[in-house]
Amino acid sequence: MLIKRLATDRPDGPDGLLPARRKWMAQCLKAGAGTVVLTLAGTQIARGAGIVAVRVWPAEDYTRVTIESDAPLAAVHQMVRNPDRLVVDVDGLDLSPTLRELVAKVTPNDPYIQSVRVGQNRPRVVRLVFDLKEDVTPQVFTLAPIGNYRNRLVFDLYPVNPPDPLWKLVRETEDKQRRYAEAAPPLADGTAAAGAGGLGSAAIAGAQGAGEEDAIGALVRRFDEKGPAGTTAPPPLPPMAAARPRPAPVPAPERAPSAPAAPPPMAQANIPAERPLKMRRLLTVAIDPGHGGEDPGAIGAAGSREKDVVLQIASRLRAKIDAQPNMRAMMTRDADFFVPLNVRVQKARRVQADLFVSIHADAFLSPEARGASVFALSERGASSSAARWLANKENSADLIGGANMSNKDAQVARVLLDLSTTAQINDSLQLGKSVLGEIGGVNRLHKGSVEQAAFAVLKAPDIPSILVETAFISNPEEERKLNDDSHQEQLANAILRGIRNYFARNPPLSKNPSV
């Protein structure tokens, strides 16, 4: 039955099977059902590639399926419609129990794969049929051995209409503005009542300027006016521009001004709001949890994975930033999946982030190494040999995580992101100093000053960007602390204080009002 079902998934149907395929099927059927079962569940023969592991990484951005083998694999794929399926024929392979594990690894919460079927299509050719929940744009490519990985055959299933981080932030901003509007009703002059601003809110509000409107807030209003049916595509990514000199810092006033203005509650259908409030621009922080998916990052002696602990810390930081009335956060990944380095930067630029904070947990050959560090970009080489070594290690994430290097758009993006600027680096150093000072109150510092190196993820020319190494996960004591909820909270609070202190001393630039 399985053979017949797989055969019908061919684009030309069962009648278009090759003569050799027909002969092989006839032999199997003639031998009896027991032979068919033996063929499907049998072990691999010596001449075929051996399957080391199969992995599935579901995420909203895309779902990745990886087949790791002890020899290179070749595959051809084709999309089949009505219903949507991705059919992949892998050459030089015989079905094995390890490969059959792929069926159970597809979970119900996968956004794009409904199920997967695996069978021996013909001698030394295994067929995979991915039953899809919606149309996808597949990318199928191979990765050479690197690190602990051997040969990898990768299937990346991207949605035809990929999720836009800007629209996601728009929806979150809309909800946040509504909550604050309900908590702080408008005053007689049309402004919102003051809210709890938290640490440094007065200085930050003064730095923002009373008349500056939130660019994304304006997009929210256009969304409200048009409604879902009239919604247009988000505006394109702004052109790459050199960072401009910042205005002089604005000292914190003695008396706290009102919190950022919030819009009125959503009007009823066909009843326009009498006087819509102007939303002040919220400060946007891009949070980048390092590694993810195929790339575990550093691994501690107790087995802790860097990608897991930094995602936990980043999630705590995001919640704290979103709790501030004048700030909002965007995470480059909010689950366990791989994001190429250039895409992390593109996401930050897409939402016109004011800051970019990449969170990591360092590792070294010696378990005695310990302490937190903060890094900024360098145009003139690394500030130390250790910084250079770390940058090279972090920049290899695309190779370990499995970036599709044949993607020409990604290659162009990497070239554009090399346009780093002196102004961006200077701002990044100030941000790094502010964050480092706060982290020093939570954890021992590996070095008391901000270090610099050519980190690829810090190369957005228009966003101050830092990389925070929260600790050495290779140090047993620090590995234990990184897994402690209380310590993660302290780290998130320290980074938030550093960000707020930086904003208080460095007024953010105005953003393009059309976005």
Protein backbone atom coordinates (compact mmCIF):
# COMPACT_ATOMS: atom_id res chain seq x y z
CA MET A 1 0.00 0.00 0.00
CA LEU A 2 2.81 2.40 0.84
CA ILE A 3 4.48 1.84 -2.52
CA LYS A 4 1.24 2.51 -4.34
CA ARG A 5 0.60 5.67 -2.31
CA LEU A 6 4.06 7.04 -2.97
CA ALA A 7 3.75 6.27 -6.64
CA THR A 8 0.64 8.43 -6.94
CA ASP A 9 2.64 11.38 -5.63
CA ARG A 10 4.68 11.51 -8.79
CA PRO A 11 3.76 14.62 -10.86
CA ASP A 12 3.02 12.39 -13.87
CA GLY A 13 1.06 9.82 -11.85
CA PRO A 14 1.65 6.04 -11.58
CA ASP A 15 1.28 5.54 -15.33
CA GLY A 16 4.42 7.57 -15.94
CA LEU A 17 6.71 5.30 -13.94
CA LEU A 18 9.90 4.15 -15.57
CA PRO A 19 9.99 0.55 -16.87
CA ALA A 20 12.62 -0.35 -14.30
CA ARG A 21 10.39 1.02 -11.58
CA ARG A 22 7.43 -1.06 -12.82
CA LYS A 23 9.59 -4.20 -12.90
CA TRP A 24 10.87 -3.58 -9.36
CA MET A 25 7.34 -3.06 -8.03
CA ALA A 26 6.13 -6.24 -9.75
CA GLN A 27 8.93 -8.28 -8.21
CA CYS A 28 8.13 -6.94 -4.74
CA LEU A 29 4.42 -7.63 -5.08
CA LYS A 30 5.04 -11.11 -6.50
CA ALA A 31 7.27 -12.00 -3.55
CA GLY A 32 4.51 -11.11 -1.11
CA ALA A 33 3.75 -8.48 1.47
CA GLY A 34 6.43 -9.78 3.82
CA THR A 35 9.12 -8.94 1.29
CA VAL A 36 7.74 -5.40 0.93
CA VAL A 37 7.88 -4.83 4.68
CA LEU A 38 11.41 -6.19 4.80
CA THR A 39 12.46 -3.85 2.01
CA LEU A 40 11.01 -0.80 3.74
CA ALA A 41 12.40 -1.56 7.17
CA GLY A 42 15.67 -3.17 6.21
CA THR A 43 19.06 -1.83 7.14
CA GLN A 44 21.21 0.08 4.71
CA ILE A 45 23.47 -1.81 2.39
CA ALA A 46 27.18 -1.17 2.41
CA ARG A 47 27.29 0.71 -0.86
CA GLY A 48 24.71 3.30 0.24
CA ALA A 49 25.28 6.37 2.38
CA GLY A 50 24.72 5.88 6.09
CA ILE A 51 22.24 8.19 7.84
CA VAL A 52 23.69 9.71 10.99
CA ALA A 53 20.67 11.73 12.15
CA VAL A 54 17.51 13.49 10.99
CA ARG A 55 16.33 16.78 12.50
CA VAL A 56 13.34 19.10 12.07
CA TRP A 57 13.35 22.77 13.13
CA PRO A 58 9.85 24.29 12.84
CA ALA A 59 9.48 28.08 13.12
CA GLU A 60 7.27 30.86 11.84
CA ASP A 61 10.08 32.14 9.62
CA TYR A 62 10.58 28.75 7.96
CA THR A 63 10.81 25.04 8.72
CA ARG A 64 14.12 23.28 8.24
CA VAL A 65 14.60 19.54 7.72
CA THR A 66 18.15 18.18 7.93
CA ILE A 67 19.40 14.74 6.93
CA GLU A 68 22.94 14.12 8.16
CA SER A 69 24.91 11.34 6.50
CA ASP A 70 28.39 9.86 6.38
CA ALA A 71 28.66 10.54 2.63
CA PRO A 72 27.35 13.33 0.39
CA LEU A 73 23.78 12.91 -0.84
CA ALA A 74 22.19 14.13 -4.07
CA ALA A 75 18.52 14.99 -4.30
CA VAL A 76 15.96 16.27 -6.78
CA HIS A 77 12.73 17.89 -5.64
CA GLN A 78 9.46 19.06 -7.11
CA MET A 79 6.33 20.78 -5.80
CA VAL A 80 3.04 18.99 -6.49
CA ARG A 81 -0.33 20.76 -6.22
CA ASN A 82 -3.85 19.79 -5.16
CA PRO A 83 -3.00 19.17 -2.40
CA ASP A 84 0.34 20.93 -1.87
CA ARG A 85 3.24 18.50 -1.45
CA LEU A 86 7.00 18.63 -1.72
CA VAL A 87 8.39 15.45 -3.28
CA VAL A 88 12.10 14.76 -2.80
CA ASP A 89 14.04 11.84 -4.28
CA VAL A 90 17.35 11.18 -2.52
CA ASP A 91 19.85 9.21 -4.60
CA GLY A 92 22.42 6.74 -3.30
CA LEU A 93 20.34 5.81 -0.28
CA ASP A 94 18.42 2.86 1.11
CA LEU A 95 15.72 3.20 3.71
CA SER A 96 16.86 2.81 7.31
CA PRO A 97 15.25 3.00 10.76
CA THR A 98 17.06 6.30 11.37
CA LEU A 99 15.58 7.82 8.25
CA ARG A 100 12.12 6.58 9.21
CA GLU A 101 12.42 8.60 12.45
CA LEU A 102 11.71 11.65 10.32
CA VAL A 103 8.01 10.72 10.29
CA ALA A 104 7.69 11.10 14.07
CA LYS A 105 9.77 14.28 14.22
CA VAL A 106 7.12 16.36 12.44
CA THR A 107 4.97 17.87 15.21
CA PRO A 108 1.39 19.20 14.99
CA ASN A 109 2.58 22.75 15.72
CA ASP A 110 4.79 22.84 12.62
CA PRO A 111 3.45 25.85 10.68
CA TYR A 112 4.15 24.39 7.22
CA ILE A 113 4.43 20.57 7.32
CA GLN A 114 1.32 18.51 7.96
CA SER A 115 3.10 15.16 7.78
CA VAL A 116 5.91 13.36 5.99
CA ARG A 117 6.00 9.98 4.26
CA VAL A 118 9.17 8.01 3.59
CA GLY A 119 9.59 5.03 1.27
CA GLN A 120 11.98 3.20 -1.04
CA ASN A 121 11.00 4.61 -4.41
CA ARG A 122 13.38 2.35 -6.33
CA PRO A 123 16.74 0.69 -5.59
CA ARG A 124 19.07 3.18 -3.92
CA VAL A 125 16.52 6.01 -4.19
CA VAL A 126 14.47 7.05 -1.16
CA ARG A 127 11.44 9.26 -1.68
CA LEU A 128 10.28 11.81 0.89
CA VAL A 129 6.81 13.30 0.51
CA PHE A 130 6.08 16.35 2.65
CA ASP A 131 2.35 16.99 2.94
CA LEU A 132 2.07 20.75 3.41
CA LYS A 133 -0.32 22.99 5.30
CA GLU A 134 0.15 25.79 2.76
CA ASP A 135 2.15 26.64 -0.33
CA VAL A 136 5.88 27.03 0.30
CA THR A 137 9.02 28.08 -1.50
CA PRO A 138 11.50 25.24 -0.94
CA GLN A 139 15.27 25.56 -0.87
CA VAL A 140 17.19 22.28 -1.08
CA PHE A 141 20.96 22.36 -0.68
CA THR A 142 23.90 20.47 0.81
CA LEU A 143 26.44 21.43 3.46
CA ALA A 144 29.97 20.08 3.72
CA PRO A 145 31.21 18.63 7.01
CA ILE A 146 32.11 21.21 9.66
CA GLY A 147 32.62 21.02 13.41
CA ASN A 148 30.74 18.06 14.82
CA TYR A 149 28.54 17.76 11.75
CA ARG A 150 29.13 15.45 8.81
CA ASN A 151 27.49 15.83 5.40
CA ARG A 152 24.09 17.51 5.54
CA LEU A 153 21.20 17.58 3.08
CA VAL A 154 18.94 20.49 4.00
CA PHE A 155 15.34 21.33 3.05
CA ASP A 156 14.24 24.85 4.00
CA LEU A 157 10.50 25.41 3.53
CA TYR A 158 9.73 29.14 3.37
CA PRO A 159 6.18 30.50 3.20
CA VAL A 160 5.27 32.15 -0.10
CA ASN A 161 4.37 35.27 1.90
CA PRO A 162 7.08 35.40 4.58
CA PRO A 163 6.27 36.98 7.95
CA ASP A 164 7.30 40.62 8.16
CA PRO A 165 8.92 41.69 11.46
CA LEU A 166 7.61 45.21 10.88
CA TRP A 167 3.97 44.15 10.73
CA LYS A 168 4.45 41.94 13.76
CA LEU A 169 5.81 44.93 15.66
CA VAL A 170 2.92 47.05 14.37
CA ARG A 171 0.39 44.65 15.87
CA GLU A 172 2.26 44.50 19.17
CA THR A 173 2.53 48.31 19.26
CA GLU A 174 -1.19 48.63 18.60
CA ASP A 175 -1.98 46.38 21.56
CA LYS A 176 0.46 48.21 23.79
CA GLN A 177 -0.87 51.66 22.89
CA ARG A 178 -4.41 50.48 23.55
CA ARG A 179 -3.46 49.14 26.98
CA TYR A 180 -1.81 52.40 27.98
CA ALA A 181 -4.71 54.40 26.59
CA GLU A 182 -7.07 52.45 28.82
CA ALA A 183 -4.78 52.82 31.83
CA ALA A 184 -4.14 56.55 31.28
CA PRO A 185 -7.21 58.31 29.77
CA PRO A 186 -6.62 61.46 27.68
CA LEU A 187 -6.57 64.80 29.49
CA ALA A 188 -8.49 67.88 28.44
CA ASP A 189 -5.68 69.14 26.21
CA GLY A 190 -5.63 65.89 24.24
CA THR A 191 -2.46 64.48 25.78
CA ALA A 192 -2.25 61.27 27.75
CA ALA A 193 -1.92 61.16 31.47
CA ALA A 194 1.49 60.29 32.87
CA GLY A 195 2.24 56.63 33.42
CA ALA A 196 4.82 54.78 35.38
CA GLY A 197 7.94 55.37 33.40
CA GLY A 198 10.35 53.38 35.47
CA LEU A 199 14.06 54.06 35.76
CA GLY A 200 15.22 57.09 33.80
CA SER A 201 11.89 57.66 32.06
CA ALA A 202 12.05 61.42 32.57
CA ALA A 203 15.41 61.74 30.89
CA ILE A 204 14.41 59.45 28.05
CA ALA A 205 11.13 61.25 27.47
CA GLY A 206 12.98 64.54 27.35
CA ALA A 207 15.51 63.12 24.93
CA GLN A 208 12.77 61.89 22.64
CA GLY A 209 11.28 65.30 22.23
CA ALA A 210 7.68 66.25 22.76
CA GLY A 211 6.79 66.68 19.13
CA GLU A 212 8.33 63.61 17.56
CA GLU A 213 5.77 61.13 16.34
CA ASP A 214 6.19 57.39 16.35
CA ALA A 215 6.78 56.28 12.75
CA ILE A 216 5.47 52.79 13.41
CA GLY A 217 2.61 54.33 15.37
CA ALA A 218 1.60 56.22 12.23
CA LEU A 219 1.60 52.91 10.40
CA VAL A 220 -0.68 51.52 13.09
CA ARG A 221 -3.16 54.36 12.50
CA ARG A 222 -3.13 53.74 8.75
CA PHE A 223 -3.81 50.08 9.47
CA ASP A 224 -6.72 51.08 11.75
CA GLU A 225 -8.19 53.43 9.15
CA LYS A 226 -8.02 50.96 6.27
CA GLY A 227 -8.80 47.82 8.19
CA PRO A 228 -7.52 44.37 7.20
CA ALA A 229 -9.21 44.49 3.80
CA GLY A 230 -7.52 47.72 2.86
CA THR A 231 -4.15 46.97 4.30
CA THR A 232 -1.27 47.55 1.94
CA ALA A 233 2.10 45.91 2.00
CA PRO A 234 4.57 47.34 4.51
CA PRO A 235 6.92 49.98 3.13
CA PRO A 236 10.24 48.74 1.77
CA LEU A 237 13.38 48.61 3.84
CA PRO A 238 14.91 52.10 4.06
CA PRO A 239 18.05 52.66 1.99
CA MET A 240 21.38 52.08 3.65
CA ALA A 241 22.56 55.36 5.06
CA ALA A 242 25.51 56.48 7.08
CA ALA A 243 24.80 57.26 10.70
CA ARG A 244 24.39 60.96 11.41
CA PRO A 245 26.01 62.81 14.34
CA ARG A 246 23.71 62.81 17.33
CA PRO A 247 22.50 66.05 18.93
CA ALA A 248 23.95 67.11 22.24
CA PRO A 249 22.72 65.07 25.20
CA VAL A 250 19.70 66.45 26.96
CA PRO A 251 20.08 66.60 30.76
CA ALA A 252 17.34 64.97 32.76
CA PRO A 253 14.80 67.55 33.99
CA GLU A 254 14.16 67.79 37.70
CA ARG A 255 10.48 67.12 37.25
CA ALA A 256 9.38 64.13 35.25
CA PRO A 257 7.28 64.97 32.18
CA SER A 258 4.28 62.95 31.21
CA ALA A 259 4.72 59.48 29.81
CA PRO A 260 4.62 58.97 26.04
CA ALA A 261 1.19 59.81 24.68
CA ALA A 262 -1.07 56.90 23.82
CA PRO A 263 -3.82 56.76 21.21
CA PRO A 264 -7.49 56.59 22.17
CA PRO A 265 -9.22 53.22 22.37
CA MET A 266 -10.16 51.64 19.08
CA ALA A 267 -13.23 53.35 17.61
CA GLN A 268 -16.35 51.36 16.85
CA ALA A 269 -17.01 50.43 13.24
CA ASN A 270 -17.97 53.44 11.08
CA ILE A 271 -17.57 55.78 14.07
CA PRO A 272 -14.34 57.78 13.70
CA ALA A 273 -12.50 58.90 16.80
CA GLU A 274 -13.25 62.52 17.67
CA ARG A 275 -9.64 63.50 18.24
CA PRO A 276 -7.01 60.82 17.62
CA LEU A 277 -3.96 61.32 19.77
CA LYS A 278 -0.51 61.68 18.29
CA MET A 279 1.69 58.83 19.45
CA ARG A 280 5.20 59.71 20.49
CA ARG A 281 7.86 57.52 19.02
CA LEU A 282 8.67 54.46 21.06
CA LEU A 283 12.30 53.45 21.35
CA THR A 284 12.85 50.17 19.52
CA VAL A 285 15.46 47.68 20.71
CA ALA A 286 16.40 44.68 18.55
CA ILE A 287 17.37 41.73 20.75
CA ASP A 288 19.40 39.01 19.06
CA PRO A 289 19.71 35.66 20.88
CA GLY A 290 22.80 34.10 19.35
CA HIS A 291 22.94 30.81 17.45
CA GLY A 292 19.85 28.54 17.26
CA GLY A 293 18.63 25.51 15.36
CA GLU A 294 21.49 23.55 13.82
CA ASP A 295 23.95 25.87 15.57
CA PRO A 296 23.98 25.10 19.32
CA GLY A 297 26.71 27.61 20.09
CA ALA A 298 29.06 26.75 22.93
CA ILE A 299 28.27 23.75 25.13
CA GLY A 300 29.08 23.62 28.83
CA ALA A 301 30.55 20.72 30.76
CA ALA A 302 27.08 19.84 32.11
CA GLY A 303 25.62 19.87 28.60
CA SER A 304 24.03 23.33 28.65
CA ARG A 305 23.73 24.80 25.17
CA GLU A 306 24.48 28.44 24.54
CA LYS A 307 21.52 28.80 22.16
CA ASP A 308 19.10 27.80 24.94
CA VAL A 309 20.34 29.98 27.79
CA VAL A 310 20.72 33.10 25.65
CA LEU A 311 17.18 32.66 24.30
CA GLN A 312 15.92 32.52 27.89
CA ILE A 313 17.84 35.67 28.86
CA ALA A 314 16.72 37.46 25.70
CA SER A 315 13.08 36.56 26.36
CA ARG A 316 13.33 38.01 29.86
CA LEU A 317 14.90 41.17 28.49
CA ARG A 318 12.17 41.48 25.89
CA ALA A 319 9.44 41.27 28.53
CA LYS A 320 11.14 43.96 30.60
CA ILE A 321 11.57 46.30 27.63
CA ASP A 322 7.97 45.80 26.53
CA ALA A 323 6.86 46.65 30.07
CA GLN A 324 8.35 50.15 29.65
CA PRO A 325 5.77 52.65 28.32
CA ASN A 326 8.30 54.33 26.05
CA MET A 327 10.09 51.26 24.67
CA ARG A 328 9.42 48.13 22.65
CA ALA A 329 11.50 45.10 21.67
CA MET A 330 11.90 42.92 18.58
CA MET A 331 13.65 39.55 18.77
CA THR A 332 15.51 38.20 15.76
CA ARG A 333 14.44 34.72 16.87
CA ASP A 334 11.94 33.73 19.54
CA ALA A 335 12.32 29.96 19.19
CA ASP A 336 14.97 27.34 18.47
CA PHE A 337 15.75 27.89 14.80
CA PHE A 338 18.70 29.17 12.80
CA VAL A 339 18.82 32.77 11.54
CA PRO A 340 21.72 33.76 9.22
CA LEU A 341 23.83 36.63 10.51
CA ASN A 342 22.84 39.04 7.76
CA VAL A 343 19.13 38.28 8.27
CA ARG A 344 19.47 39.20 11.94
CA VAL A 345 20.72 42.62 10.90
CA GLN A 346 18.06 42.94 8.19
CA LYS A 347 15.31 42.30 10.73
CA ALA A 348 16.66 45.05 12.97
CA ARG A 349 16.79 47.50 10.08
CA ARG A 350 13.33 46.47 8.92
CA VAL A 351 11.79 47.73 12.17
CA GLN A 352 14.16 50.74 12.23
CA ALA A 353 15.62 49.68 15.56
CA ASP A 354 17.34 52.31 17.66
CA LEU A 355 19.70 49.73 19.17
CA PHE A 356 20.85 46.19 18.45
CA VAL A 357 21.90 43.91 21.33
CA SER A 358 23.21 40.42 20.53
CA ILE A 359 23.31 38.09 23.53
CA HIS A 360 25.79 35.22 23.84
CA ALA A 361 27.56 33.00 26.38
CA ASP A 362 31.26 32.56 25.71
CA ALA A 363 33.43 29.44 25.82
CA PHE A 364 37.14 28.78 25.91
CA LEU A 365 39.46 25.80 25.89
CA SER A 366 40.23 26.25 29.58
CA PRO A 367 37.36 25.96 32.10
CA GLU A 368 39.09 28.57 34.27
CA ALA A 369 38.15 31.40 31.90
CA ARG A 370 35.28 33.42 33.34
CA GLY A 371 33.54 36.79 33.32
CA ALA A 372 31.24 38.87 31.13
CA SER A 373 32.35 40.98 28.17
CA VAL A 374 30.82 43.51 25.79
CA PHE A 375 31.98 43.96 22.19
CA ALA A 376 31.47 46.57 19.49
CA LEU A 377 32.46 46.60 15.84
CA SER A 378 35.96 47.56 14.76
CA GLU A 379 37.12 49.00 11.45
CA ARG A 380 40.82 48.73 12.25
CA GLY A 381 41.23 45.20 13.51
CA ALA A 382 40.48 43.57 16.82
CA SER A 383 41.35 45.21 20.12
CA SER A 384 42.94 41.96 21.33
CA SER A 385 43.81 38.50 20.09
CA ALA A 386 41.01 37.10 22.25
CA ALA A 387 38.50 39.47 20.63
CA ARG A 388 39.72 38.45 17.17
CA TRP A 389 39.42 34.75 18.06
CA LEU A 390 35.89 35.23 19.39
CA ALA A 391 34.78 37.22 16.33
CA ASN A 392 36.06 34.51 14.01
CA LYS A 393 34.21 31.89 16.05
CA GLU A 394 30.93 33.83 16.07
CA ASN A 395 31.23 34.66 12.37
CA SER A 396 31.39 30.94 11.58
CA ALA A 397 27.79 30.59 12.79
CA ASP A 398 26.50 30.68 9.21
CA LEU A 399 28.65 27.67 8.32
CA ILE A 400 27.62 25.65 11.36
CA GLY A 401 23.99 26.77 11.37
CA GLY A 402 23.71 26.10 7.66
CA ALA A 403 23.19 29.29 5.67
CA ASN A 404 22.35 28.73 2.01
CA MET A 405 25.43 30.38 0.51
CA SER A 406 24.05 29.98 -3.02
CA ASN A 407 21.35 32.54 -2.23
CA LYS A 408 22.43 35.60 -4.26
CA ASP A 409 20.24 38.00 -2.27
CA ALA A 410 22.07 36.98 0.88
CA GLN A 411 25.43 37.57 -0.81
CA VAL A 412 24.40 41.10 -1.85
CA ALA A 413 23.13 41.83 1.65
CA ARG A 414 26.46 40.83 3.16
CA VAL A 415 28.29 43.27 0.90
CA LEU A 416 25.93 46.12 1.81
CA LEU A 417 26.35 45.46 5.51
CA ASP A 418 30.08 46.00 5.20
CA LEU A 419 29.37 49.75 4.94
CA SER A 420 30.10 50.32 8.61
CA THR A 421 30.56 53.87 9.80
CA THR A 422 32.67 55.64 12.38
CA ALA A 423 29.58 57.28 13.89
CA GLN A 424 27.89 53.92 14.39
CA ILE A 425 30.97 52.49 16.06
CA ASN A 426 31.31 55.48 18.39
CA ASP A 427 27.67 55.16 19.44
CA SER A 428 28.12 51.42 19.90
CA LEU A 429 31.09 52.00 22.19
CA GLN A 430 29.01 54.36 24.34
CA LEU A 431 26.18 51.83 24.50
CA GLY A 432 28.63 49.05 25.32
CA LYS A 433 30.21 51.06 28.12
CA SER A 434 26.80 51.74 29.65
CA VAL A 435 25.75 48.08 29.53
CA LEU A 436 29.14 46.79 30.70
CA GLY A 437 28.98 49.03 33.77
CA GLU A 438 25.64 47.56 34.78
CA ILE A 439 26.60 43.93 34.11
CA GLY A 440 29.64 44.44 36.33
CA GLY A 441 27.26 44.68 39.27
CA VAL A 442 25.83 41.24 38.50
CA ASN A 443 28.76 39.18 37.28
CA ARG A 444 32.51 39.38 37.28
CA LEU A 445 33.88 41.13 34.18
CA HIS A 446 36.36 39.36 31.94
CA LYS A 447 37.67 42.76 30.90
CA GLY A 448 36.69 46.16 32.26
CA SER A 449 36.39 47.93 28.91
CA VAL A 450 34.43 47.44 25.71
CA GLU A 451 36.41 45.34 23.23
CA GLN A 452 36.21 45.56 19.46
CA ALA A 453 36.44 43.12 16.56
CA ALA A 454 34.89 42.49 13.14
CA PHE A 455 31.66 40.80 14.24
CA ALA A 456 29.44 40.32 11.19
CA VAL A 457 26.26 40.65 13.23
CA LEU A 458 27.23 44.16 14.38
CA LYS A 459 27.59 45.66 10.89
CA ALA A 460 24.36 47.64 10.57
CA PRO A 461 25.71 51.09 9.60
CA ASP A 462 22.71 52.96 10.99
CA ILE A 463 22.10 51.13 14.31
CA PRO A 464 24.38 51.24 17.38
CA SER A 465 25.13 47.56 17.97
CA ILE A 466 26.81 45.54 20.70
CA LEU A 467 27.45 41.88 21.44
CA VAL A 468 27.12 40.87 25.10
CA GLU A 469 28.95 37.76 26.28
CA THR A 470 27.04 37.19 29.51
CA ALA A 471 29.53 34.67 30.93
CA PHE A 472 31.73 31.70 30.04
CA ILE A 473 29.43 28.70 29.71
CA SER A 474 32.61 26.57 29.64
CA ASN A 475 33.22 27.58 33.28
CA PRO A 476 31.26 25.14 35.52
CA GLU A 477 30.30 27.80 38.07
CA GLU A 478 29.17 30.28 35.43
CA GLU A 479 27.33 27.54 33.54
CA ARG A 480 25.33 26.84 36.68
CA LYS A 481 24.52 30.55 37.11
CA LEU A 482 23.46 30.89 33.47
CA ASN A 483 20.81 28.23 34.09
CA ASP A 484 19.55 29.92 37.26
CA ASP A 485 16.30 31.87 36.85
CA SER A 486 17.32 34.49 39.40
CA HIS A 487 20.66 35.14 37.71
CA GLN A 488 19.00 35.39 34.30
CA GLU A 489 16.64 38.01 35.75
CA GLN A 490 19.58 39.97 37.13
CA LEU A 491 21.35 39.89 33.78
CA ALA A 492 18.23 41.06 31.93
CA ASN A 493 17.72 43.89 34.44
CA ALA A 494 21.35 44.95 34.10
CA ILE A 495 21.17 45.10 30.30
CA LEU A 496 17.92 47.07 30.51
CA ARG A 497 19.47 49.60 32.91
CA GLY A 498 22.43 50.00 30.58
CA ILE A 499 20.11 50.60 27.62
CA ARG A 500 18.04 53.16 29.52
CA ASN A 501 21.13 54.99 30.74
CA TYR A 502 22.43 55.13 27.17
CA PHE A 503 19.15 56.55 25.84
CA ALA A 504 19.14 59.15 28.61
CA ARG A 505 22.56 60.42 27.53
CA ASN A 506 22.13 59.96 23.78
CA PRO A 507 18.86 61.24 22.27
CA PRO A 508 17.70 58.88 19.53
CA LEU A 509 17.52 60.26 16.03
CA SER A 510 14.23 60.93 14.30
CA LYS A 511 13.02 58.14 12.06
CA ASN A 512 11.52 58.30 8.60
CA PRO A 513 7.88 59.33 9.23
CA SER A 514 6.70 57.37 6.20
CA VAL A 515 7.55 54.07 7.88
